[in-house]
């Protein structure tokens, strides 16, 4: 079976002269990098290995200071600035609700009680949980909390399945639809 990779972070910029770089998680994902993890830097380059491992990592705020194997100088670090970090999905410890925002925008949402709700048009990141803005459906704009009680499944393809709570779709919206 082919290995599936997931884009989880981006190299922001070099830091220091020993090849360390600042890395930020992609929008909507928690920070998933850890020491020893094998990853691919994309786009690939002819003058470096495609795969590398994380030698050291120190987190601080929204970014982490990372040292990749094979990246040992400021020049090498500058060459990977802007690269994306891909990791094999089976090496990641993701909850079912962890998806990058770019993977969610444009996905259709189907509810167990109300049927088709619309399309995810935005993701609002809050301290407690994310909130999806659903639009282009029969109920107008809806705000859906991204919590285990509401999101039933997020398959790789097709609509996302929900069981929204009372009060998200009002009585007047149901009658109009």
Protein backbone atom coordinates (compact mmCIF):
# COMPACT_ATOMS: atom_id res chain seq x y z
CA UNK A 1 0.00 0.00 0.00
CA UNK A 2 1.28 3.47 -0.86
CA UNK A 3 2.35 5.72 1.99
CA UNK A 4 0.13 8.78 2.38
CA UNK A 5 1.80 12.01 3.42
CA UNK A 6 0.26 14.99 5.15
CA UNK A 7 1.38 18.60 4.87
CA UNK A 8 1.65 19.72 8.51
CA UNK A 9 4.01 22.70 8.75
CA UNK A 10 5.99 25.34 6.87
CA UNK A 11 9.57 26.52 7.28
CA UNK A 12 9.28 30.24 8.04
CA UNK A 13 12.91 31.43 8.03
CA UNK A 14 16.46 30.53 9.08
CA UNK A 15 17.60 31.20 12.63
CA UNK A 16 21.30 31.48 13.44
CA UNK A 17 24.27 30.15 11.51
CA UNK A 18 24.05 26.41 12.29
CA UNK A 19 21.15 25.50 10.01
CA UNK A 20 18.31 25.87 12.47
CA UNK A 21 15.00 27.20 11.15
CA UNK A 22 11.75 28.53 12.56
CA UNK A 23 8.81 26.29 11.64
CA UNK A 24 5.09 27.09 12.00
CA UNK A 25 2.18 24.62 11.91
CA UNK A 26 -0.28 24.96 9.05
CA UNK A 27 -3.47 26.86 9.83
CA UNK A 28 -5.85 24.78 11.84
CA UNK A 29 -3.39 22.07 12.89
CA UNK A 30 -1.71 21.63 16.23
CA UNK A 31 2.10 21.52 16.29
CA UNK A 32 2.85 17.90 15.31
CA UNK A 33 6.63 17.81 14.85
CA UNK A 34 8.76 15.87 17.33
CA UNK A 35 12.39 14.84 17.65
CA UNK A 36 13.32 11.85 15.46
CA UNK A 37 10.35 12.24 13.09
CA UNK A 38 11.18 11.55 9.43
CA UNK A 39 9.78 14.16 7.06
CA UNK A 40 9.99 15.41 3.49
CA UNK A 41 10.69 19.02 2.60
CA UNK A 42 8.81 20.22 -0.47
CA UNK A 43 9.38 21.41 -3.05
CA UNK A 44 12.35 19.07 -3.40
CA UNK A 45 15.77 20.36 -4.43
CA UNK A 46 18.57 18.69 -6.40
CA UNK A 47 21.26 19.66 -3.89
CA UNK A 48 19.76 18.05 -0.76
CA UNK A 49 18.07 14.84 0.29
CA UNK A 50 14.32 14.81 -0.05
CA UNK A 51 13.84 13.13 3.33
CA UNK A 52 15.36 14.25 6.60
CA UNK A 53 14.74 13.75 10.28
CA UNK A 54 14.27 16.20 13.10
CA UNK A 55 17.46 16.35 15.19
CA UNK A 56 16.26 18.86 17.75
CA UNK A 57 13.20 20.93 18.44
CA UNK A 58 12.27 23.64 20.91
CA UNK A 59 8.78 25.12 20.90
CA UNK A 60 8.01 28.72 21.73
CA UNK A 61 4.68 30.36 21.04
CA UNK A 62 3.27 29.75 17.58
CA UNK A 63 6.60 28.65 16.05
CA UNK A 64 9.34 26.15 16.91
CA UNK A 65 13.09 26.23 16.43
CA UNK A 66 13.94 23.06 14.47
CA UNK A 67 17.17 21.42 13.35
CA UNK A 68 16.78 19.02 10.40
CA UNK A 69 19.38 16.39 9.48
CA UNK A 70 21.39 17.50 6.45
CA UNK A 71 20.70 21.20 7.06
CA UNK A 72 23.91 22.34 8.77
CA UNK A 73 24.58 25.89 7.60
CA UNK A 74 22.90 29.23 7.16
CA UNK A 75 22.97 28.75 3.36
CA UNK A 76 21.23 25.37 3.66
CA UNK A 77 18.65 26.85 6.05
CA UNK A 78 17.97 29.75 3.67
CA UNK A 79 17.43 27.23 0.85
CA UNK A 80 14.55 25.55 2.69
CA UNK A 81 12.80 28.75 3.83
CA UNK A 82 9.24 28.57 2.52
CA UNK A 83 9.31 24.77 2.14
CA UNK A 84 6.47 22.66 3.46
CA UNK A 85 7.04 19.79 5.88
CA UNK A 86 5.29 16.54 4.97
CA UNK A 87 5.05 13.52 7.28
CA UNK A 88 3.66 10.01 6.71
CA UNK A 89 0.11 9.94 8.11
CA UNK A 90 0.76 6.75 10.08
CA UNK A 91 3.49 8.57 12.06
CA UNK A 92 1.12 11.33 13.18
CA UNK A 93 -0.94 11.40 16.35
CA UNK A 94 -4.01 13.26 15.06
CA UNK A 95 -7.44 13.47 16.58
CA UNK A 96 -10.31 12.90 14.12
CA UNK A 97 -11.03 16.66 14.18
CA UNK A 98 -7.47 17.78 13.28
CA UNK A 99 -7.53 19.05 9.69
CA UNK A 100 -5.85 22.01 8.09
CA UNK A 101 -8.14 24.89 7.24
CA UNK A 102 -7.22 24.64 3.56
CA UNK A 103 -8.46 21.00 3.54
CA UNK A 104 -11.84 22.07 4.94
CA UNK A 105 -12.77 25.16 2.91
CA UNK A 106 -15.18 24.21 0.14
CA UNK A 107 -16.22 20.86 1.69
CA UNK A 108 -19.96 20.07 1.78
CA UNK A 109 -21.63 19.41 5.13
CA UNK A 110 -24.46 16.90 5.60
CA UNK A 111 -26.40 16.72 8.87
CA UNK A 112 -28.15 13.62 10.25
CA UNK A 113 -31.33 15.59 11.06
CA UNK A 114 -31.44 18.54 8.62
CA UNK A 115 -29.76 17.05 5.56
CA UNK A 116 -27.57 19.25 3.38
CA UNK A 117 -26.39 22.31 5.34
CA UNK A 118 -24.08 23.95 2.79
CA UNK A 119 -20.35 24.44 2.24
CA UNK A 120 -17.62 25.40 4.70
CA UNK A 121 -16.63 28.94 3.70
CA UNK A 122 -14.45 29.91 6.69
CA UNK A 123 -12.92 28.52 9.86
CA UNK A 124 -12.87 30.69 12.97
CA UNK A 125 -10.13 29.69 15.42
CA UNK A 126 -11.10 30.28 19.04
CA UNK A 127 -9.30 29.27 22.26
CA UNK A 128 -11.93 26.64 23.13
CA UNK A 129 -12.59 25.10 19.70
CA UNK A 130 -12.77 26.02 16.04
CA UNK A 131 -16.06 27.14 14.49
CA UNK A 132 -16.98 26.47 10.86
CA UNK A 133 -18.95 29.03 8.87
CA UNK A 134 -21.37 27.10 6.66
CA UNK A 135 -23.01 28.96 3.78
CA UNK A 136 -24.56 28.39 0.34
CA UNK A 137 -27.15 26.02 1.82
CA UNK A 138 -30.91 26.11 2.45
CA UNK A 139 -30.52 27.63 5.95
CA UNK A 140 -28.26 30.55 5.05
CA UNK A 141 -25.14 31.16 7.10
CA UNK A 142 -24.64 28.78 10.03
CA UNK A 143 -21.90 28.64 12.66
CA UNK A 144 -21.02 25.06 13.62
CA UNK A 145 -18.76 24.35 16.62
CA UNK A 146 -16.03 21.80 15.86
CA UNK A 147 -16.51 19.49 18.83
CA UNK A 148 -16.87 15.71 19.16
CA UNK A 149 -20.59 16.01 19.96
CA UNK A 150 -21.32 17.77 16.64
CA UNK A 151 -18.86 16.39 14.07
CA UNK A 152 -19.65 12.74 13.28
CA UNK A 153 -16.99 12.14 10.62
CA UNK A 154 -14.61 13.93 8.28
CA UNK A 155 -13.93 11.44 5.47
CA UNK A 156 -11.09 11.95 2.99
CA UNK A 157 -13.65 12.69 0.26
CA UNK A 158 -17.33 13.53 0.05
CA UNK A 159 -19.42 15.45 2.56
CA UNK A 160 -18.56 15.94 6.22
CA UNK A 161 -21.21 14.38 8.49
CA UNK A 162 -22.61 16.24 11.50
CA UNK A 163 -25.30 15.99 14.16
CA UNK A 164 -25.85 19.64 15.03
CA UNK A 165 -27.47 20.61 18.30
CA UNK A 166 -30.78 22.39 18.74
CA UNK A 167 -30.65 26.14 18.22
CA UNK A 168 -28.14 26.27 15.37
CA UNK A 169 -30.93 26.07 12.80
CA UNK A 170 -33.85 28.18 14.04
CA UNK A 171 -37.51 27.28 13.56
CA UNK A 172 -38.02 30.07 10.98
CA UNK A 173 -35.02 28.88 8.96
CA UNK A 174 -36.44 25.33 8.90
CA UNK A 175 -39.82 26.58 7.65
CA UNK A 176 -38.20 28.69 4.91
CA UNK A 177 -36.08 25.77 3.64
